[in-house]
Amino acid sequence: MYNRQEQKQETKTLIRGHQRFFFILFIPFLITEIVYSVIGNKTSFNLTSETGTIKLNNTDLLINFASSIVFSILAAIFIMGAIYTVFNVLRGQDDFEKPLRKSLSFIDNQRLFWGTVWAWLLRTIFLLLWSLLTIPGVLVMFLTHNSIGVILGILEFIAVAVFVIIKSFEYSQALWIYRDNLLNNQKSGAFTAIRTSSRLMKGYKAAYFVLQLSFIGWMILVAITYGIVGIYFYPYYYTTQVKFYEFIKDQFNQKQTVLDAE
């Protein structure tokens, strides 16, 4: 059984023992998030006149769109480099030296880089396709023109939303599985990683949901401090996610060993 409190305590102990390493490892991601937040808020402020009206022009829209793309790409590169480094140090495959360089390690392996991008895109596509199940409910609301139709449409929308969230939990470990398969020279792609993630998460979706809820307070603090609290939160949060994957993967492998023995 997954022990959330024990896992989080182990993560805190690990970070306290290597504070400099973990903080510097996540610094590039943190700076990217803070700068993007500041630029976004400054742009919003500049768009608001003294009367409170908002004026947008093509230049503003283009700048906002371009900055969103650039900072999203940078943030993704930094956070994946940090997470993959956490995997290595937890498994004893790497040391606690040169954290800044290791935060860029995601782009060192081009096959892993593009494979991870494809796995993420495929996972996103699947979730978008599942979300299309809301269309019948929307049609019912707009075509019936009565309270019963509206209620049925809303209920269908809520049901599909819950279903998609559950699916997102099922697919949540796909990137880590893809990485492991690739580094272990296993011939399996992104689709296989997504299917395996569903199998790994069987029986652990509720635990994963509670784990995410346990960080809500930290996430609020990060938001109201423009990301500054992230200097502790990001190493804490993402290392805990890695440990969760390691736990369910170990449990899955043990079950497979028992089944093979039988």
C-alpha atoms as a PDB file:
ATOM      1  CA  MET A   1       0.000   0.000   0.000  1.00  0.00           C
ATOM      2  CA  TYR A   2       1.240   3.453  -0.908  1.00  0.00           C
ATOM      3  CA  ASN A   3       2.116   5.494   2.189  1.00  0.00           C
ATOM      4  CA  ARG A   4       1.883   9.145   1.134  1.00  0.00           C
ATOM      5  CA  GLN A   5       3.131  10.649   4.398  1.00  0.00           C
ATOM      6  CA  GLU A   6       6.105   8.309   4.567  1.00  0.00           C
ATOM      7  CA  GLN A   7       7.071   9.049   0.957  1.00  0.00           C
ATOM      8  CA  LYS A   8       6.826  12.805   1.471  1.00  0.00           C
ATOM      9  CA  GLN A   9       8.895  12.598   4.645  1.00  0.00           C
ATOM     10  CA  GLU A  10      11.577  10.640   2.813  1.00  0.00           C
ATOM     11  CA  THR A  11      11.583  13.332   0.116  1.00  0.00           C
ATOM     12  CA  LYS A  12      12.010  16.100   2.705  1.00  0.00           C
ATOM     13  CA  THR A  13      14.894  14.232   4.319  1.00  0.00           C
ATOM     14  CA  LEU A  14      16.587  13.736   0.963  1.00  0.00           C
ATOM     15  CA  ILE A  15      16.236  17.410   0.027  1.00  0.00           C
ATOM     16  CA  ARG A  16      17.499  18.585   3.416  1.00  0.00           C
ATOM     17  CA  GLY A  17      20.580  16.417   2.953  1.00  0.00           C
ATOM     18  CA  HIS A  18      21.322  17.906  -0.475  1.00  0.00           C
ATOM     19  CA  GLN A  19      19.677  21.331  -0.369  1.00  0.00           C
ATOM     20  CA  ARG A  20      22.181  23.092  -2.608  1.00  0.00           C
ATOM     21  CA  PHE A  21      21.947  20.426  -5.292  1.00  0.00           C
ATOM     22  CA  PHE A  22      18.145  20.326  -5.473  1.00  0.00           C
ATOM     23  CA  PHE A  23      17.634  24.082  -5.273  1.00  0.00           C
ATOM     24  CA  ILE A  24      20.153  24.812  -8.038  1.00  0.00           C
ATOM     25  CA  LEU A  25      18.816  21.912 -10.117  1.00  0.00           C
ATOM     26  CA  PHE A  26      15.358  23.511 -10.250  1.00  0.00           C
ATOM     27  CA  ILE A  27      16.570  27.137 -10.401  1.00  0.00           C
ATOM     28  CA  PRO A  28      16.422  27.446 -14.237  1.00  0.00           C
ATOM     29  CA  PHE A  29      12.808  26.254 -14.229  1.00  0.00           C
ATOM     30  CA  LEU A  30      11.971  28.534 -11.315  1.00  0.00           C
ATOM     31  CA  ILE A  31      13.506  31.609 -12.970  1.00  0.00           C
ATOM     32  CA  THR A  32      11.656  30.855 -16.203  1.00  0.00           C
ATOM     33  CA  GLU A  33       8.352  30.605 -14.337  1.00  0.00           C
ATOM     34  CA  ILE A  34       8.948  33.831 -12.367  1.00  0.00           C
ATOM     35  CA  VAL A  35      10.015  35.866 -15.413  1.00  0.00           C
ATOM     36  CA  TYR A  36       7.035  34.625 -17.398  1.00  0.00           C
ATOM     37  CA  SER A  37       4.712  35.492 -14.519  1.00  0.00           C
ATOM     38  CA  VAL A  38       6.170  39.006 -14.188  1.00  0.00           C
ATOM     39  CA  ILE A  39       5.990  39.675 -17.932  1.00  0.00           C
ATOM     40  CA  GLY A  40       2.425  38.384 -18.067  1.00  0.00           C
ATOM     41  CA  ASN A  41       1.313  40.610 -15.208  1.00  0.00           C
ATOM     42  CA  LYS A  42       3.137  43.637 -16.637  1.00  0.00           C
ATOM     43  CA  THR A  43       1.474  43.147 -20.004  1.00  0.00           C
ATOM     44  CA  SER A  44      -1.948  42.853 -18.393  1.00  0.00           C
ATOM     45  CA  PHE A  45      -1.297  46.046 -16.414  1.00  0.00           C
ATOM     46  CA  ASN A  46      -0.226  47.933 -19.515  1.00  0.00           C
ATOM     47  CA  LEU A  47      -3.334  46.821 -21.364  1.00  0.00           C
ATOM     48  CA  THR A  48      -5.617  48.373 -18.781  1.00  0.00           C
ATOM     49  CA  SER A  49      -6.301  52.086 -19.064  1.00  0.00           C
ATOM     50  CA  GLU A  50      -7.253  54.454 -16.277  1.00  0.00           C
ATOM     51  CA  THR A  51     -10.931  53.877 -17.002  1.00  0.00           C
ATOM     52  CA  GLY A  52     -10.535  50.146 -16.526  1.00  0.00           C
ATOM     53  CA  THR A  53     -11.102  49.205 -20.157  1.00  0.00           C
ATOM     54  CA  ILE A  54      -8.794  46.791 -21.911  1.00  0.00           C
ATOM     55  CA  LYS A  55      -7.234  47.670 -25.226  1.00  0.00           C
ATOM     56  CA  LEU A  56      -5.661  44.976 -27.334  1.00  0.00           C
ATOM     57  CA  ASN A  57      -3.884  45.314 -30.618  1.00  0.00           C
ATOM     58  CA  ASN A  58      -2.215  42.834 -32.950  1.00  0.00           C
ATOM     59  CA  THR A  59       1.251  43.618 -31.574  1.00  0.00           C
ATOM     60  CA  ASP A  60       0.177  42.872 -27.986  1.00  0.00           C
ATOM     61  CA  LEU A  61      -1.460  39.629 -29.024  1.00  0.00           C
ATOM     62  CA  LEU A  62       1.601  38.567 -31.017  1.00  0.00           C
ATOM     63  CA  ILE A  63       3.982  39.356 -28.147  1.00  0.00           C
ATOM     64  CA  ASN A  64       1.823  37.467 -25.652  1.00  0.00           C
ATOM     65  CA  PHE A  65       1.537  34.449 -27.933  1.00  0.00           C
ATOM     66  CA  ALA A  66       5.257  34.368 -28.790  1.00  0.00           C
ATOM     67  CA  SER A  67       6.361  34.786 -25.168  1.00  0.00           C
ATOM     68  CA  SER A  68       3.976  32.025 -24.076  1.00  0.00           C
ATOM     69  CA  ILE A  69       5.462  29.616 -26.623  1.00  0.00           C
ATOM     70  CA  VAL A  70       9.082  30.494 -25.827  1.00  0.00           C
ATOM     71  CA  PHE A  71       8.711  30.332 -22.051  1.00  0.00           C
ATOM     72  CA  SER A  72       6.659  27.129 -22.228  1.00  0.00           C
ATOM     73  CA  ILE A  73       9.386  25.422 -24.257  1.00  0.00           C
ATOM     74  CA  LEU A  74      12.136  26.649 -21.937  1.00  0.00           C
ATOM     75  CA  ALA A  75      10.191  25.625 -18.835  1.00  0.00           C
ATOM     76  CA  ALA A  76       9.544  22.162 -20.299  1.00  0.00           C
ATOM     77  CA  ILE A  77      13.242  21.647 -21.118  1.00  0.00           C
ATOM     78  CA  PHE A  78      14.368  22.738 -17.653  1.00  0.00           C
ATOM     79  CA  ILE A  79      11.768  20.778 -15.693  1.00  0.00           C
ATOM     80  CA  MET A  80      12.258  17.562 -17.656  1.00  0.00           C
ATOM     81  CA  GLY A  81      16.031  17.852 -17.223  1.00  0.00           C
ATOM     82  CA  ALA A  82      15.538  18.297 -13.484  1.00  0.00           C
ATOM     83  CA  ILE A  83      13.064  15.418 -13.177  1.00  0.00           C
ATOM     84  CA  TYR A  84      15.216  13.000 -15.181  1.00  0.00           C
ATOM     85  CA  THR A  85      18.181  13.951 -12.993  1.00  0.00           C
ATOM     86  CA  VAL A  86      16.112  13.183  -9.892  1.00  0.00           C
ATOM     87  CA  PHE A  87      15.438   9.727 -11.347  1.00  0.00           C
ATOM     88  CA  ASN A  88      19.167   9.170 -11.801  1.00  0.00           C
ATOM     89  CA  VAL A  89      20.213  10.270  -8.302  1.00  0.00           C
ATOM     90  CA  LEU A  90      17.434   8.295  -6.612  1.00  0.00           C
ATOM     91  CA  ARG A  91      18.535   5.180  -8.482  1.00  0.00           C
ATOM     92  CA  GLY A  92      22.193   5.755  -7.668  1.00  0.00           C
ATOM     93  CA  GLN A  93      23.016   6.304 -11.355  1.00  0.00           C
ATOM     94  CA  ASP A  94      24.300   9.838 -10.833  1.00  0.00           C
ATOM     95  CA  ASP A  95      25.874  11.970  -8.128  1.00  0.00           C
ATOM     96  CA  PHE A  96      24.866  15.254  -6.504  1.00  0.00           C
ATOM     97  CA  GLU A  97      27.361  17.361  -8.447  1.00  0.00           C
ATOM     98  CA  LYS A  98      26.954  19.996 -11.206  1.00  0.00           C
ATOM     99  CA  PRO A  99      23.185  20.534 -10.751  1.00  0.00           C
ATOM    100  CA  LEU A 100      23.021  23.507 -13.121  1.00  0.00           C
ATOM    101  CA  ARG A 101      24.477  21.520 -15.996  1.00  0.00           C
ATOM    102  CA  LYS A 102      22.199  18.596 -15.258  1.00  0.00           C
ATOM    103  CA  SER A 103      19.117  20.822 -15.467  1.00  0.00           C
ATOM    104  CA  LEU A 104      19.868  21.019 -19.209  1.00  0.00           C
ATOM    105  CA  SER A 105      20.475  17.285 -19.638  1.00  0.00           C
ATOM    106  CA  PHE A 106      17.073  16.714 -21.249  1.00  0.00           C
ATOM    107  CA  ILE A 107      18.363  18.031 -24.592  1.00  0.00           C
ATOM    108  CA  ASP A 108      21.528  15.889 -24.531  1.00  0.00           C
ATOM    109  CA  ASN A 109      19.764  12.773 -25.805  1.00  0.00           C
ATOM    110  CA  GLN A 110      17.920  13.810 -28.964  1.00  0.00           C
ATOM    111  CA  ARG A 111      16.081  10.504 -29.271  1.00  0.00           C
ATOM    112  CA  LEU A 112      14.819  10.801 -25.713  1.00  0.00           C
ATOM    113  CA  PHE A 113      13.968  14.464 -26.232  1.00  0.00           C
ATOM    114  CA  TRP A 114      11.806  14.001 -29.325  1.00  0.00           C
ATOM    115  CA  GLY A 115      10.387  10.720 -28.067  1.00  0.00           C
ATOM    116  CA  THR A 116       9.241  12.405 -24.859  1.00  0.00           C
ATOM    117  CA  VAL A 117       7.705  15.245 -26.875  1.00  0.00           C
ATOM    118  CA  TRP A 118       5.789  12.717 -28.990  1.00  0.00           C
ATOM    119  CA  ALA A 119       4.644  10.766 -25.917  1.00  0.00           C
ATOM    120  CA  TRP A 120       3.356  14.004 -24.379  1.00  0.00           C
ATOM    121  CA  LEU A 121       1.569  14.993 -27.600  1.00  0.00           C
ATOM    122  CA  LEU A 122      -0.004  11.559 -27.969  1.00  0.00           C
ATOM    123  CA  ARG A 123      -1.191  11.604 -24.368  1.00  0.00           C
ATOM    124  CA  THR A 124      -2.675  15.074 -24.917  1.00  0.00           C
ATOM    125  CA  ILE A 125      -4.422  13.924 -28.112  1.00  0.00           C
ATOM    126  CA  PHE A 126      -6.002  10.973 -26.307  1.00  0.00           C
ATOM    127  CA  LEU A 127      -7.300  13.236 -23.539  1.00  0.00           C
ATOM    128  CA  LEU A 128      -8.692  15.709 -26.093  1.00  0.00           C
ATOM    129  CA  LEU A 129     -10.447  12.879 -27.921  1.00  0.00           C
ATOM    130  CA  TRP A 130     -11.985  11.646 -24.664  1.00  0.00           C
ATOM    131  CA  SER A 131     -13.161  15.206 -23.933  1.00  0.00           C
ATOM    132  CA  LEU A 132     -15.174  15.170 -27.183  1.00  0.00           C
ATOM    133  CA  LEU A 133     -17.668  13.020 -25.312  1.00  0.00           C
ATOM    134  CA  THR A 134     -19.038  16.300 -23.922  1.00  0.00           C
ATOM    135  CA  ILE A 135     -20.479  17.171 -27.350  1.00  0.00           C
ATOM    136  CA  PRO A 136     -23.734  15.167 -26.939  1.00  0.00           C
ATOM    137  CA  GLY A 137     -24.451  16.942 -23.653  1.00  0.00           C
ATOM    138  CA  VAL A 138     -23.804  20.349 -25.196  1.00  0.00           C
ATOM    139  CA  LEU A 139     -26.116  19.509 -28.095  1.00  0.00           C
ATOM    140  CA  VAL A 140     -28.841  18.411 -25.694  1.00  0.00           C
ATOM    141  CA  MET A 141     -28.615  21.724 -23.827  1.00  0.00           C
ATOM    142  CA  PHE A 142     -28.863  23.851 -26.957  1.00  0.00           C
ATOM    143  CA  LEU A 143     -31.441  21.805 -28.846  1.00  0.00           C
ATOM    144  CA  THR A 144     -33.987  20.962 -26.151  1.00  0.00           C
ATOM    145  CA  HIS A 145     -34.520  24.546 -24.870  1.00  0.00           C
ATOM    146  CA  ASN A 146     -35.883  23.376 -21.527  1.00  0.00           C
ATOM    147  CA  SER A 147     -34.668  22.907 -17.977  1.00  0.00           C
ATOM    148  CA  ILE A 148     -34.534  19.105 -18.222  1.00  0.00           C
ATOM    149  CA  GLY A 149     -32.244  19.312 -21.243  1.00  0.00           C
ATOM    150  CA  VAL A 150     -29.995  21.803 -19.474  1.00  0.00           C
ATOM    151  CA  ILE A 151     -29.766  19.625 -16.374  1.00  0.00           C
ATOM    152  CA  LEU A 152     -29.024  16.508 -18.430  1.00  0.00           C
ATOM    153  CA  GLY A 153     -26.403  18.385 -20.411  1.00  0.00           C
ATOM    154  CA  ILE A 154     -24.696  19.674 -17.273  1.00  0.00           C
ATOM    155  CA  LEU A 155     -24.733  16.224 -15.674  1.00  0.00           C
ATOM    156  CA  GLU A 156     -23.246  14.694 -18.817  1.00  0.00           C
ATOM    157  CA  PHE A 157     -20.558  17.392 -18.904  1.00  0.00           C
ATOM    158  CA  ILE A 158     -19.634  16.751 -15.255  1.00  0.00           C
ATOM    159  CA  ALA A 159     -19.552  12.980 -15.829  1.00  0.00           C
ATOM    160  CA  VAL A 160     -17.263  13.344 -18.843  1.00  0.00           C
ATOM    161  CA  ALA A 161     -15.031  15.824 -16.974  1.00  0.00           C
ATOM    162  CA  VAL A 162     -14.583  13.317 -14.137  1.00  0.00           C
ATOM    163  CA  PHE A 163     -13.933  10.556 -16.671  1.00  0.00           C
ATOM    164  CA  VAL A 164     -11.258  12.631 -18.455  1.00  0.00           C
ATOM    165  CA  ILE A 165      -9.587  13.461 -15.133  1.00  0.00           C
ATOM    166  CA  ILE A 166      -9.459   9.751 -14.307  1.00  0.00           C
ATOM    167  CA  LYS A 167      -7.959   9.077 -17.728  1.00  0.00           C
ATOM    168  CA  SER A 168      -5.351  11.773 -17.121  1.00  0.00           C
ATOM    169  CA  PHE A 169      -4.401   9.937 -13.932  1.00  0.00           C
ATOM    170  CA  GLU A 170      -4.098   6.692 -15.893  1.00  0.00           C
ATOM    171  CA  TYR A 171      -1.769   8.301 -18.428  1.00  0.00           C
ATOM    172  CA  SER A 172       0.215  10.303 -15.845  1.00  0.00           C
ATOM    173  CA  GLN A 173       3.206   7.946 -15.739  1.00  0.00           C
ATOM    174  CA  ALA A 174       3.601   7.547 -19.512  1.00  0.00           C
ATOM    175  CA  LEU A 175       6.597   9.876 -19.888  1.00  0.00           C
ATOM    176  CA  TRP A 176       8.559   8.124 -17.161  1.00  0.00           C
ATOM    177  CA  ILE A 177       7.743   4.709 -18.618  1.00  0.00           C
ATOM    178  CA  TYR A 178       8.806   5.844 -22.077  1.00  0.00           C
ATOM    179  CA  ARG A 179      12.130   7.067 -20.683  1.00  0.00           C
ATOM    180  CA  ASP A 180      12.799   3.814 -18.854  1.00  0.00           C
ATOM    181  CA  ASN A 181      11.939   1.729 -21.927  1.00  0.00           C
ATOM    182  CA  LEU A 182      14.171   3.819 -24.171  1.00  0.00           C
ATOM    183  CA  LEU A 183      17.164   3.814 -21.827  1.00  0.00           C
ATOM    184  CA  ASN A 184      16.760   0.060 -21.312  1.00  0.00           C
ATOM    185  CA  ASN A 185      16.778  -0.460 -25.100  1.00  0.00           C
ATOM    186  CA  GLN A 186      13.262  -1.868 -25.095  1.00  0.00           C
ATOM    187  CA  LYS A 187      11.558  -1.551 -28.471  1.00  0.00           C
ATOM    188  CA  SER A 188       8.351   0.136 -27.392  1.00  0.00           C
ATOM    189  CA  GLY A 189       6.980   3.527 -28.325  1.00  0.00           C
ATOM    190  CA  ALA A 190       4.801   6.230 -26.860  1.00  0.00           C
ATOM    191  CA  PHE A 191       1.552   4.308 -27.336  1.00  0.00           C
ATOM    192  CA  THR A 192       2.930   1.337 -25.414  1.00  0.00           C
ATOM    193  CA  ALA A 193       4.072   3.673 -22.635  1.00  0.00           C
ATOM    194  CA  ILE A 194       0.557   5.102 -22.335  1.00  0.00           C
ATOM    195  CA  ARG A 195      -1.011   1.641 -22.183  1.00  0.00           C
ATOM    196  CA  THR A 196       1.549   0.523 -19.599  1.00  0.00           C
ATOM    197  CA  SER A 197       0.838   3.644 -17.538  1.00  0.00           C
ATOM    198  CA  SER A 198      -2.827   2.624 -17.381  1.00  0.00           C
ATOM    199  CA  ARG A 199      -1.797  -0.784 -16.076  1.00  0.00           C
ATOM    200  CA  LEU A 200       0.607   0.666 -13.516  1.00  0.00           C
ATOM    201  CA  MET A 201      -2.008   3.079 -12.184  1.00  0.00           C
ATOM    202  CA  LYS A 202      -4.599   0.364 -11.648  1.00  0.00           C
ATOM    203  CA  GLY A 203      -5.448   0.560  -7.959  1.00  0.00           C
ATOM    204  CA  TYR A 204      -3.412   3.743  -7.413  1.00  0.00           C
ATOM    205  CA  LYS A 205      -5.518   6.463  -9.031  1.00  0.00           C
ATOM    206  CA  ALA A 206      -7.148   7.426  -5.732  1.00  0.00           C
ATOM    207  CA  ALA A 207      -3.750   7.550  -4.012  1.00  0.00           C
ATOM    208  CA  TYR A 208      -2.411   9.715  -6.830  1.00  0.00           C
ATOM    209  CA  PHE A 209      -5.391  12.051  -6.563  1.00  0.00           C
ATOM    210  CA  VAL A 210      -4.923  12.462  -2.806  1.00  0.00           C
ATOM    211  CA  LEU A 211      -1.194  13.007  -3.352  1.00  0.00           C
ATOM    212  CA  GLN A 212      -1.907  15.915  -5.701  1.00  0.00           C
ATOM    213  CA  LEU A 213      -4.459  17.377  -3.284  1.00  0.00           C
ATOM    214  CA  SER A 214      -1.881  17.317  -0.500  1.00  0.00           C
ATOM    215  CA  PHE A 215       0.148  19.924  -2.405  1.00  0.00           C
ATOM    216  CA  ILE A 216      -2.718  22.396  -2.950  1.00  0.00           C
ATOM    217  CA  GLY A 217      -1.556  24.666  -0.119  1.00  0.00           C
ATOM    218  CA  TRP A 218       1.946  24.832  -1.548  1.00  0.00           C
ATOM    219  CA  MET A 219       0.607  25.593  -5.023  1.00  0.00           C
ATOM    220  CA  ILE A 220      -1.414  28.514  -3.647  1.00  0.00           C
ATOM    221  CA  LEU A 221       1.694  29.872  -1.900  1.00  0.00           C
ATOM    222  CA  VAL A 222       3.670  29.616  -5.155  1.00  0.00           C
ATOM    223  CA  ALA A 223       0.928  31.527  -6.997  1.00  0.00           C
ATOM    224  CA  ILE A 224       0.624  34.395  -4.504  1.00  0.00           C
ATOM    225  CA  THR A 225       4.416  34.813  -4.200  1.00  0.00           C
ATOM    226  CA  TYR A 226       4.915  34.890  -7.984  1.00  0.00           C
ATOM    227  CA  GLY A 227       6.779  31.593  -7.829  1.00  0.00           C
ATOM    228  CA  ILE A 228       9.344  32.496  -5.164  1.00  0.00           C
ATOM    229  CA  VAL A 229       8.197  29.715  -2.817  1.00  0.00           C
ATOM    230  CA  GLY A 230       8.890  27.381  -5.722  1.00  0.00           C
ATOM    231  CA  ILE A 231      12.549  27.302  -4.696  1.00  0.00           C
ATOM    232  CA  TYR A 232      11.478  24.718  -2.115  1.00  0.00           C
ATOM    233  CA  PHE A 233       8.175  23.509  -3.556  1.00  0.00           C
ATOM    234  CA  TYR A 234       9.376  22.373  -6.979  1.00  0.00           C
ATOM    235  CA  PRO A 235      12.108  20.016  -5.715  1.00  0.00           C
ATOM    236  CA  TYR A 236       9.723  18.744  -3.035  1.00  0.00           C
ATOM    237  CA  TYR A 237       6.799  18.213  -5.408  1.00  0.00           C
ATOM    238  CA  TYR A 238       8.583  16.664  -8.372  1.00  0.00           C
ATOM    239  CA  THR A 239      10.830  14.421  -6.288  1.00  0.00           C
ATOM    240  CA  THR A 240       7.707  13.100  -4.575  1.00  0.00           C
ATOM    241  CA  GLN A 241       6.175  12.392  -7.997  1.00  0.00           C
ATOM    242  CA  VAL A 242       9.280  10.462  -9.007  1.00  0.00           C
ATOM    243  CA  LYS A 243       9.158   8.433  -5.803  1.00  0.00           C
ATOM    244  CA  PHE A 244       5.480   7.668  -6.455  1.00  0.00           C
ATOM    245  CA  TYR A 245       6.375   6.276  -9.870  1.00  0.00           C
ATOM    246  CA  GLU A 246       9.223   4.234  -8.433  1.00  0.00           C
ATOM    247  CA  PHE A 247       6.852   2.751  -5.856  1.00  0.00           C
ATOM    248  CA  ILE A 248       4.064   1.722  -8.240  1.00  0.00           C
ATOM    249  CA  LYS A 249       6.590   0.447 -10.775  1.00  0.00           C
ATOM    250  CA  ASP A 250       8.187  -1.733  -8.106  1.00  0.00           C
ATOM    251  CA  GLN A 251       4.773  -3.048  -7.055  1.00  0.00           C
ATOM    252  CA  PHE A 252       3.874  -3.763 -10.674  1.00  0.00           C
ATOM    253  CA  ASN A 253       7.124  -5.631 -11.301  1.00  0.00           C
ATOM    254  CA  GLN A 254       6.616  -7.724  -8.176  1.00  0.00           C
ATOM    255  CA  LYS A 255       3.137  -8.731  -9.356  1.00  0.00           C
ATOM    256  CA  GLN A 256       4.495  -9.606 -12.788  1.00  0.00           C
ATOM    257  CA  THR A 257       7.207 -11.758 -11.203  1.00  0.00           C
ATOM    258  CA  VAL A 258       4.589 -13.674  -9.194  1.00  0.00           C
ATOM    259  CA  LEU A 259       2.428 -14.187 -12.284  1.00  0.00           C
ATOM    260  CA  ASP A 260       5.403 -15.392 -14.317  1.00  0.00           C
ATOM    261  CA  ALA A 261       6.338 -17.828 -11.553  1.00  0.00           C
ATOM    262  CA  GLU A 262       2.840 -19.274 -11.574  1.00  0.00           C
END
